[in-house]
Amino acid sequence: MDNRVNANSSRYDIGSRGWWRRTKNICNYKSTSRCTLSGKALMDLNDMFGQLRTDEDYFQPDPILIPADAKVPCGSEMQVWKSLLSIKNTTTGPDQIPFWVWKDHAEILTPVVTKIWNLSLEKHTCPSSWKSTNNNPLAKVETPKENGDLRGINITPVIARAFEKSHL
């Protein structure tokens, strides 16, 4: 699907909103139903996405040495609280914790999340559970007939996305 407006499309048919609308239409998505594939089709799709994520020419770069006296950024509870409150209605990641849990319980979760975020910055890594993803197929054409007609969308946990967007 082209990402530009043409004479026959509305402003809602462009970008990811339009792609998701078309994907839901193709799959006959209803709030209680899902697009279903046979076990073999699912395995083929999984293998295809697995091959796309594998690069034989990849080599791990040398780690960057950070001096011991380097000042590590540190977020305040107020910054974290504002980040939690600003989480938008978004897809739940593999941890199955919906956006509203973080947002509605920001006051209670802020001290713990602040410690985790600051420790992540100090140790230069984040919890491994934040690195896990759900890979959801999105149709690149109106009626997908083969695996190449789909592209993967990686969905990470909501809290990981909030951490990435925070300005700590």
N, C-alpha and C. Protein backbone atom coordinates (compact mmCIF):
# COMPACT_ATOMS: atom_id res chain seq x y z
N MET A 1 0.84 -1.18 0.00
CA MET A 1 0.00 0.00 0.00
C MET A 1 0.88 1.24 0.00
N ASP A 2 0.53 2.16 -0.84
CA ASP A 2 1.30 3.39 -0.94
C ASP A 2 1.01 4.26 0.27
N ASN A 3 2.01 4.95 0.76
CA ASN A 3 1.87 5.78 1.96
C ASN A 3 1.54 7.23 1.62
N ARG A 4 1.15 7.49 0.39
CA ARG A 4 0.80 8.85 -0.01
C ARG A 4 -0.70 8.97 -0.23
N VAL A 5 -1.21 10.18 -0.10
CA VAL A 5 -2.63 10.43 -0.33
C VAL A 5 -2.88 10.47 -1.82
N ASN A 6 -3.96 9.79 -2.26
CA ASN A 6 -4.37 9.92 -3.66
C ASN A 6 -5.82 10.38 -3.69
N ALA A 7 -6.34 10.59 -4.86
CA ALA A 7 -7.67 11.17 -5.00
C ALA A 7 -8.76 10.30 -4.40
N ASN A 8 -8.55 8.99 -4.32
CA ASN A 8 -9.59 8.08 -3.85
C ASN A 8 -9.45 7.69 -2.38
N SER A 9 -8.51 8.30 -1.65
CA SER A 9 -8.32 7.91 -0.25
C SER A 9 -8.61 9.07 0.68
N SER A 10 -8.99 8.71 1.89
CA SER A 10 -9.20 9.74 2.90
C SER A 10 -7.89 9.91 3.66
N ARG A 11 -7.84 10.90 4.53
CA ARG A 11 -6.61 11.13 5.28
C ARG A 11 -6.32 10.00 6.25
N TYR A 12 -7.30 9.13 6.55
CA TYR A 12 -7.09 8.03 7.48
C TYR A 12 -6.57 6.77 6.79
N ASP A 13 -6.42 6.79 5.45
CA ASP A 13 -5.93 5.62 4.74
C ASP A 13 -4.42 5.63 4.55
N ILE A 14 -3.74 6.62 5.10
CA ILE A 14 -2.31 6.68 4.93
C ILE A 14 -1.61 6.33 6.24
N GLY A 15 -0.35 5.92 6.15
CA GLY A 15 0.43 5.63 7.34
C GLY A 15 0.00 4.34 8.02
N SER A 16 0.48 4.16 9.24
CA SER A 16 0.24 2.91 9.95
C SER A 16 -1.23 2.71 10.30
N ARG A 17 -1.96 3.80 10.55
CA ARG A 17 -3.39 3.66 10.85
C ARG A 17 -4.11 2.99 9.68
N GLY A 18 -3.82 3.44 8.47
CA GLY A 18 -4.43 2.85 7.28
C GLY A 18 -4.00 1.42 7.06
N TRP A 19 -2.70 1.14 7.32
CA TRP A 19 -2.21 -0.22 7.17
C TRP A 19 -2.92 -1.16 8.13
N TRP A 20 -3.05 -0.73 9.38
CA TRP A 20 -3.73 -1.59 10.36
C TRP A 20 -5.20 -1.77 9.97
N ARG A 21 -5.87 -0.73 9.52
CA ARG A 21 -7.26 -0.84 9.10
C ARG A 21 -7.39 -1.85 7.97
N ARG A 22 -6.49 -1.76 6.99
CA ARG A 22 -6.55 -2.69 5.86
C ARG A 22 -6.23 -4.11 6.31
N THR A 23 -5.25 -4.27 7.19
CA THR A 23 -4.91 -5.60 7.69
C THR A 23 -6.10 -6.22 8.42
N LYS A 24 -6.77 -5.42 9.25
CA LYS A 24 -7.94 -5.92 9.96
C LYS A 24 -9.05 -6.30 9.00
N ASN A 25 -9.23 -5.52 7.93
CA ASN A 25 -10.24 -5.85 6.93
C ASN A 25 -9.90 -7.14 6.20
N ILE A 26 -8.63 -7.29 5.82
CA ILE A 26 -8.20 -8.49 5.11
C ILE A 26 -8.43 -9.73 5.96
N CYS A 27 -8.13 -9.62 7.24
CA CYS A 27 -8.26 -10.76 8.16
C CYS A 27 -9.66 -10.92 8.72
N ASN A 28 -10.59 -10.08 8.26
CA ASN A 28 -11.95 -10.09 8.80
C ASN A 28 -11.92 -9.98 10.31
N TYR A 29 -11.08 -9.08 10.82
CA TYR A 29 -10.89 -8.91 12.26
C TYR A 29 -12.14 -8.35 12.91
N LYS A 30 -12.58 -9.00 13.91
CA LYS A 30 -13.65 -8.52 14.79
C LYS A 30 -13.07 -8.54 16.19
N SER A 31 -13.68 -7.84 17.11
CA SER A 31 -13.10 -7.75 18.45
C SER A 31 -12.95 -9.11 19.11
N THR A 32 -13.72 -10.11 18.68
CA THR A 32 -13.62 -11.42 19.31
C THR A 32 -12.93 -12.45 18.42
N SER A 33 -12.52 -12.06 17.20
CA SER A 33 -11.91 -13.04 16.32
C SER A 33 -10.52 -12.58 15.90
N ARG A 34 -9.73 -13.51 15.43
CA ARG A 34 -8.38 -13.22 14.97
C ARG A 34 -8.18 -13.85 13.60
N CYS A 35 -7.24 -13.31 12.86
CA CYS A 35 -6.83 -13.93 11.62
C CYS A 35 -6.14 -15.25 11.98
N THR A 36 -6.59 -16.33 11.43
CA THR A 36 -6.01 -17.62 11.79
C THR A 36 -5.27 -18.21 10.60
N LEU A 37 -4.20 -18.89 10.90
CA LEU A 37 -3.40 -19.59 9.90
C LEU A 37 -3.23 -21.02 10.36
N SER A 38 -3.00 -21.90 9.40
CA SER A 38 -2.76 -23.29 9.75
C SER A 38 -1.42 -23.40 10.47
N GLY A 39 -1.21 -24.52 11.14
CA GLY A 39 0.05 -24.74 11.86
C GLY A 39 1.26 -24.65 10.93
N LYS A 40 1.14 -25.21 9.73
CA LYS A 40 2.24 -25.16 8.76
C LYS A 40 2.49 -23.72 8.31
N ALA A 41 1.41 -22.96 8.05
CA ALA A 41 1.56 -21.57 7.62
C ALA A 41 2.23 -20.74 8.73
N LEU A 42 1.86 -21.01 9.98
CA LEU A 42 2.48 -20.30 11.09
C LEU A 42 3.96 -20.62 11.20
N MET A 43 4.33 -21.88 11.04
CA MET A 43 5.74 -22.27 11.11
C MET A 43 6.53 -21.66 9.96
N ASP A 44 5.93 -21.66 8.74
CA ASP A 44 6.59 -21.04 7.59
C ASP A 44 6.82 -19.55 7.83
N LEU A 45 5.80 -18.88 8.37
CA LEU A 45 5.91 -17.45 8.66
C LEU A 45 6.97 -17.20 9.73
N ASN A 46 6.98 -18.03 10.76
CA ASN A 46 7.98 -17.92 11.82
C ASN A 46 9.39 -18.10 11.25
N ASP A 47 9.57 -19.10 10.39
CA ASP A 47 10.88 -19.34 9.76
C ASP A 47 11.31 -18.15 8.91
N MET A 48 10.35 -17.58 8.15
CA MET A 48 10.67 -16.45 7.30
C MET A 48 11.14 -15.25 8.13
N PHE A 49 10.41 -14.92 9.21
CA PHE A 49 10.81 -13.81 10.07
C PHE A 49 12.13 -14.11 10.77
N GLY A 50 12.35 -15.37 11.14
CA GLY A 50 13.62 -15.76 11.76
C GLY A 50 14.79 -15.56 10.82
N GLN A 51 14.61 -15.88 9.53
CA GLN A 51 15.67 -15.68 8.55
C GLN A 51 15.93 -14.20 8.31
N LEU A 52 14.86 -13.38 8.33
CA LEU A 52 15.03 -11.95 8.14
C LEU A 52 15.84 -11.33 9.27
N ARG A 53 15.72 -11.89 10.47
CA ARG A 53 16.40 -11.35 11.64
C ARG A 53 17.82 -11.89 11.79
N THR A 54 18.24 -12.74 10.86
CA THR A 54 19.56 -13.33 10.93
C THR A 54 20.42 -12.76 9.80
N ASP A 55 21.52 -12.18 10.16
CA ASP A 55 22.45 -11.61 9.19
C ASP A 55 23.78 -12.31 9.36
N GLU A 56 24.15 -13.12 8.37
CA GLU A 56 25.39 -13.89 8.45
C GLU A 56 26.62 -12.99 8.46
N ASP A 57 26.51 -11.78 7.94
CA ASP A 57 27.64 -10.85 7.89
C ASP A 57 27.75 -10.00 9.16
N TYR A 58 26.84 -10.20 10.11
CA TYR A 58 26.85 -9.39 11.33
C TYR A 58 28.03 -9.78 12.21
N PHE A 59 28.68 -8.79 12.77
CA PHE A 59 29.69 -9.04 13.78
C PHE A 59 29.42 -8.08 14.93
N GLN A 60 29.58 -8.59 16.13
CA GLN A 60 29.31 -7.78 17.31
C GLN A 60 30.40 -6.72 17.45
N PRO A 61 30.00 -5.46 17.57
CA PRO A 61 31.00 -4.41 17.70
C PRO A 61 31.70 -4.50 19.06
N ASP A 62 32.88 -3.93 19.12
CA ASP A 62 33.62 -3.88 20.38
C ASP A 62 32.84 -2.99 21.35
N PRO A 63 32.78 -3.39 22.61
CA PRO A 63 32.07 -2.54 23.58
C PRO A 63 32.78 -1.21 23.75
N ILE A 64 32.00 -0.17 23.98
CA ILE A 64 32.54 1.15 24.22
C ILE A 64 32.98 1.20 25.68
N LEU A 65 34.20 1.58 25.90
CA LEU A 65 34.70 1.69 27.27
C LEU A 65 34.29 3.05 27.83
N ILE A 66 33.59 3.01 28.93
CA ILE A 66 33.12 4.22 29.58
C ILE A 66 34.00 4.47 30.79
N PRO A 67 34.62 5.65 30.85
CA PRO A 67 35.51 5.93 31.97
C PRO A 67 34.78 5.83 33.31
N ALA A 68 35.49 5.39 34.33
CA ALA A 68 34.90 5.21 35.66
C ALA A 68 34.41 6.53 36.24
N ASP A 69 35.03 7.64 35.85
CA ASP A 69 34.62 8.93 36.39
C ASP A 69 33.54 9.62 35.55
N ALA A 70 32.98 8.92 34.54
CA ALA A 70 31.93 9.50 33.69
C ALA A 70 30.68 9.73 34.52
N LYS A 71 30.04 10.87 34.30
CA LYS A 71 28.81 11.19 35.03
C LYS A 71 27.64 10.47 34.38
N VAL A 72 26.99 9.62 35.14
CA VAL A 72 25.85 8.86 34.66
C VAL A 72 24.58 9.67 34.90
N PRO A 73 23.73 9.82 33.89
CA PRO A 73 22.49 10.56 34.12
C PRO A 73 21.63 9.85 35.15
N CYS A 74 20.88 10.62 35.89
CA CYS A 74 20.03 10.07 36.94
C CYS A 74 18.68 10.76 36.85
N GLY A 75 17.62 9.98 36.75
CA GLY A 75 16.28 10.55 36.66
C GLY A 75 15.65 10.72 38.02
N SER A 76 14.87 11.77 38.15
CA SER A 76 14.15 12.01 39.40
C SER A 76 12.81 11.27 39.38
N GLU A 77 12.24 11.11 40.55
CA GLU A 77 10.91 10.48 40.61
C GLU A 77 9.88 11.31 39.86
N MET A 78 10.03 12.63 39.87
CA MET A 78 9.10 13.49 39.14
C MET A 78 9.17 13.23 37.64
N GLN A 79 10.39 13.06 37.10
CA GLN A 79 10.54 12.78 35.67
C GLN A 79 9.91 11.43 35.32
N VAL A 80 10.16 10.44 36.15
CA VAL A 80 9.60 9.11 35.89
C VAL A 80 8.09 9.15 36.00
N TRP A 81 7.57 9.82 37.01
CA TRP A 81 6.12 9.93 37.20
C TRP A 81 5.48 10.58 35.97
N LYS A 82 6.07 11.65 35.47
CA LYS A 82 5.55 12.31 34.26
C LYS A 82 5.62 11.38 33.05
N SER A 83 6.70 10.59 32.95
CA SER A 83 6.81 9.63 31.84
C SER A 83 5.71 8.58 31.91
N LEU A 84 5.45 8.08 33.11
CA LEU A 84 4.40 7.07 33.27
C LEU A 84 3.02 7.65 32.96
N LEU A 85 2.79 8.88 33.39
CA LEU A 85 1.49 9.51 33.12
C LEU A 85 1.28 9.82 31.64
N SER A 86 2.37 9.97 30.90
CA SER A 86 2.25 10.33 29.48
C SER A 86 2.16 9.13 28.55
N ILE A 87 2.15 7.91 29.10
CA ILE A 87 2.02 6.72 28.26
C ILE A 87 0.66 6.76 27.56
N LYS A 88 0.70 6.58 26.25
CA LYS A 88 -0.52 6.60 25.44
C LYS A 88 -1.11 5.20 25.35
N ASN A 89 -2.35 5.13 24.89
CA ASN A 89 -3.01 3.86 24.63
C ASN A 89 -2.21 3.16 23.54
N THR A 90 -1.57 2.08 23.90
CA THR A 90 -0.67 1.39 22.98
C THR A 90 -0.79 -0.12 23.17
N THR A 91 -0.29 -0.86 22.22
CA THR A 91 -0.35 -2.31 22.23
C THR A 91 0.45 -2.89 23.38
N THR A 92 -0.10 -3.91 24.00
CA THR A 92 0.57 -4.62 25.09
C THR A 92 1.70 -5.47 24.52
N GLY A 93 2.83 -5.47 25.18
CA GLY A 93 3.98 -6.24 24.73
C GLY A 93 3.95 -7.66 25.27
N PRO A 94 5.05 -8.39 25.13
CA PRO A 94 5.09 -9.79 25.55
C PRO A 94 4.92 -10.01 27.05
N ASP A 95 5.11 -8.96 27.85
CA ASP A 95 4.92 -9.11 29.30
C ASP A 95 3.44 -9.07 29.69
N GLN A 96 2.58 -8.74 28.73
CA GLN A 96 1.12 -8.69 28.93
C GLN A 96 0.68 -7.66 29.97
N ILE A 97 1.49 -6.64 30.22
CA ILE A 97 1.10 -5.57 31.14
C ILE A 97 0.59 -4.41 30.29
N PRO A 98 -0.70 -4.12 30.32
CA PRO A 98 -1.25 -3.07 29.46
C PRO A 98 -0.82 -1.67 29.90
N PHE A 99 -0.92 -0.72 28.98
CA PHE A 99 -0.48 0.66 29.22
C PHE A 99 -1.16 1.27 30.44
N TRP A 100 -2.45 0.95 30.64
CA TRP A 100 -3.21 1.61 31.70
C TRP A 100 -2.71 1.23 33.09
N VAL A 101 -2.10 0.06 33.24
CA VAL A 101 -1.57 -0.33 34.55
C VAL A 101 -0.47 0.65 34.96
N TRP A 102 0.43 0.95 34.03
CA TRP A 102 1.53 1.87 34.31
C TRP A 102 1.00 3.27 34.55
N LYS A 103 0.03 3.68 33.74
CA LYS A 103 -0.49 5.04 33.82
C LYS A 103 -1.37 5.23 35.06
N ASP A 104 -2.30 4.32 35.29
CA ASP A 104 -3.24 4.46 36.40
C ASP A 104 -2.58 4.27 37.77
N HIS A 105 -1.48 3.54 37.82
CA HIS A 105 -0.80 3.27 39.08
C HIS A 105 0.57 3.93 39.16
N ALA A 106 0.72 5.02 38.41
CA ALA A 106 2.01 5.73 38.35
C ALA A 106 2.49 6.16 39.73
N GLU A 107 1.58 6.61 40.55
CA GLU A 107 1.97 7.10 41.88
C GLU A 107 2.61 5.99 42.72
N ILE A 108 2.07 4.80 42.62
CA ILE A 108 2.58 3.66 43.40
C ILE A 108 3.86 3.10 42.78
N LEU A 109 3.91 3.05 41.44
CA LEU A 109 5.03 2.42 40.74
C LEU A 109 6.25 3.32 40.56
N THR A 110 6.07 4.62 40.69
CA THR A 110 7.16 5.57 40.41
C THR A 110 8.45 5.27 41.18
N PRO A 111 8.44 5.05 42.51
CA PRO A 111 9.71 4.80 43.21
C PRO A 111 10.46 3.58 42.69
N VAL A 112 9.73 2.50 42.42
CA VAL A 112 10.36 1.26 41.94
C VAL A 112 10.89 1.46 40.53
N VAL A 113 10.07 2.04 39.66
CA VAL A 113 10.49 2.25 38.27
C VAL A 113 11.69 3.21 38.22
N THR A 114 11.70 4.22 39.06
CA THR A 114 12.83 5.16 39.11
C THR A 114 14.12 4.41 39.44
N LYS A 115 14.07 3.52 40.42
CA LYS A 115 15.27 2.74 40.78
C LYS A 115 15.72 1.87 39.63
N ILE A 116 14.78 1.21 38.96
CA ILE A 116 15.14 0.33 37.84
C ILE A 116 15.73 1.15 36.70
N TRP A 117 15.10 2.28 36.35
CA TRP A 117 15.61 3.10 35.26
C TRP A 117 17.00 3.64 35.58
N ASN A 118 17.19 4.14 36.79
CA ASN A 118 18.50 4.69 37.16
C ASN A 118 19.57 3.61 37.21
N LEU A 119 19.22 2.44 37.70
CA LEU A 119 20.17 1.33 37.72
C LEU A 119 20.51 0.90 36.29
N SER A 120 19.53 0.91 35.39
CA SER A 120 19.78 0.58 33.99
C SER A 120 20.76 1.55 33.36
N LEU A 121 20.59 2.84 33.68
CA LEU A 121 21.53 3.84 33.15
C LEU A 121 22.92 3.66 33.75
N GLU A 122 22.97 3.37 35.03
CA GLU A 122 24.26 3.19 35.71
C GLU A 122 25.02 1.97 35.19
N LYS A 123 24.29 0.88 34.95
CA LYS A 123 24.91 -0.38 34.51
C LYS A 123 25.01 -0.49 32.99
N HIS A 124 24.46 0.49 32.27
CA HIS A 124 24.50 0.54 30.81
C HIS A 124 23.78 -0.65 30.17
N THR A 125 22.74 -1.10 30.80
CA THR A 125 21.93 -2.18 30.25
C THR A 125 20.53 -2.08 30.85
N CYS A 126 19.59 -2.76 30.23
CA CYS A 126 18.23 -2.77 30.78
C CYS A 126 17.83 -4.21 31.06
N PRO A 127 16.77 -4.42 31.82
CA PRO A 127 16.34 -5.79 32.13
C PRO A 127 16.10 -6.59 30.84
N SER A 128 16.52 -7.84 30.85
CA SER A 128 16.39 -8.67 29.65
C SER A 128 14.94 -8.83 29.21
N SER A 129 14.00 -8.78 30.16
CA SER A 129 12.58 -8.91 29.78
C SER A 129 12.12 -7.73 28.92
N TRP A 130 12.81 -6.60 29.02
CA TRP A 130 12.45 -5.44 28.19
C TRP A 130 12.94 -5.59 26.77
N LYS A 131 13.83 -6.55 26.53
CA LYS A 131 14.38 -6.76 25.20
C LYS A 131 13.57 -7.77 24.39
N SER A 132 12.64 -8.46 25.04
CA SER A 132 11.81 -9.44 24.34
C SER A 132 10.76 -8.72 23.51
N THR A 133 10.34 -9.35 22.42
CA THR A 133 9.36 -8.73 21.52
C THR A 133 8.32 -9.74 21.06
N ASN A 134 7.18 -9.23 20.69
CA ASN A 134 6.20 -9.99 19.92
C ASN A 134 6.35 -9.52 18.49
N ASN A 135 6.50 -10.43 17.54
CA ASN A 135 6.63 -10.06 16.14
C ASN A 135 5.29 -10.32 15.48
N ASN A 136 4.58 -9.24 15.13
CA ASN A 136 3.26 -9.36 14.52
C ASN A 136 3.36 -9.09 13.03
N PRO A 137 2.76 -9.96 12.19
CA PRO A 137 2.82 -9.74 10.74
C PRO A 137 1.86 -8.63 10.32
N LEU A 138 2.31 -7.81 9.39
CA LEU A 138 1.50 -6.74 8.82
C LEU A 138 1.56 -6.89 7.31
N ALA A 139 0.39 -6.88 6.67
CA ALA A 139 0.33 -7.07 5.22
C ALA A 139 0.95 -5.89 4.48
N LYS A 140 1.77 -6.19 3.47
CA LYS A 140 2.35 -5.15 2.62
C LYS A 140 1.50 -4.96 1.37
N VAL A 141 0.65 -5.92 1.06
CA VAL A 141 -0.24 -5.86 -0.10
C VAL A 141 -1.67 -6.07 0.36
N GLU A 142 -2.62 -5.79 -0.52
CA GLU A 142 -4.03 -5.87 -0.12
C GLU A 142 -4.42 -7.28 0.32
N THR A 143 -4.05 -8.28 -0.47
CA THR A 143 -4.38 -9.66 -0.11
C THR A 143 -3.09 -10.47 -0.07
N PRO A 144 -2.53 -10.69 1.11
CA PRO A 144 -1.28 -11.44 1.18
C PRO A 144 -1.50 -12.90 0.79
N LYS A 145 -0.63 -13.39 -0.11
CA LYS A 145 -0.75 -14.77 -0.56
C LYS A 145 0.47 -15.60 -0.20
N GLU A 146 1.57 -14.92 0.08
CA GLU A 146 2.79 -15.64 0.45
C GLU A 146 3.50 -14.86 1.55
N ASN A 147 4.47 -15.50 2.17
CA ASN A 147 5.15 -14.89 3.32
C ASN A 147 5.78 -13.54 2.99
N GLY A 148 6.30 -13.38 1.80
CA GLY A 148 6.93 -12.13 1.40
C GLY A 148 5.95 -10.96 1.35
N ASP A 149 4.65 -11.25 1.40
CA ASP A 149 3.63 -10.20 1.38
C ASP A 149 3.40 -9.62 2.77
N LEU A 150 4.12 -10.11 3.76
CA LEU A 150 3.96 -9.64 5.13
C LEU A 150 5.28 -9.09 5.65
N ARG A 151 5.20 -8.12 6.53
CA ARG A 151 6.39 -7.63 7.21
C ARG A 151 6.13 -7.70 8.70
N GLY A 152 7.18 -7.85 9.47
CA GLY A 152 7.02 -8.00 10.91
C GLY A 152 7.08 -6.68 11.64
N ILE A 153 6.23 -6.52 12.62
CA ILE A 153 6.23 -5.37 13.52
C ILE A 153 6.62 -5.91 14.90
N ASN A 154 7.72 -5.43 15.45
CA ASN A 154 8.18 -5.87 16.76
C ASN A 154 7.55 -5.02 17.85
N ILE A 155 6.84 -5.67 18.76
CA ILE A 155 6.18 -4.99 19.87
C ILE A 155 6.96 -5.30 21.15
N THR A 156 7.54 -4.29 21.77
CA THR A 156 8.28 -4.45 23.02
C THR A 156 7.37 -4.11 24.19
N PRO A 157 7.76 -4.44 25.42
CA PRO A 157 6.93 -4.10 26.58
C PRO A 157 6.69 -2.59 26.68
N VAL A 158 5.53 -2.21 27.17
CA VAL A 158 5.14 -0.80 27.31
C VAL A 158 6.16 -0.04 28.14
N ILE A 159 6.63 -0.62 29.23
CA ILE A 159 7.57 0.08 30.12
C ILE A 159 8.91 0.31 29.41
N ALA A 160 9.32 -0.61 28.54
CA ALA A 160 10.56 -0.42 27.78
C ALA A 160 10.42 0.75 26.81
N ARG A 161 9.25 0.85 26.17
CA ARG A 161 9.01 1.97 25.25
C ARG A 161 8.96 3.29 26.00
N ALA A 162 8.39 3.28 27.21
CA ALA A 162 8.35 4.51 28.02
C ALA A 162 9.77 4.92 28.41
N PHE A 163 10.61 3.95 28.74
CA PHE A 163 12.00 4.24 29.11
C PHE A 163 12.76 4.84 27.92
N GLU A 164 12.54 4.27 26.72
CA GLU A 164 13.20 4.79 25.53
C GLU A 164 12.78 6.22 25.22
N LYS A 165 11.52 6.55 25.49
CA LYS A 165 11.00 7.89 25.19
C LYS A 165 11.31 8.91 26.28
N SER A 166 11.66 8.43 27.47
CA SER A 166 11.89 9.35 28.58
C SER A 166 13.13 10.20 28.28
N HIS A 167 13.16 11.36 28.84
CA HIS A 167 14.27 12.29 28.62
C HIS A 167 15.15 12.36 29.86
N LEU A 168 15.56 11.20 30.33
CA LEU A 168 16.41 11.17 31.53
C LEU A 168 17.85 11.48 31.16
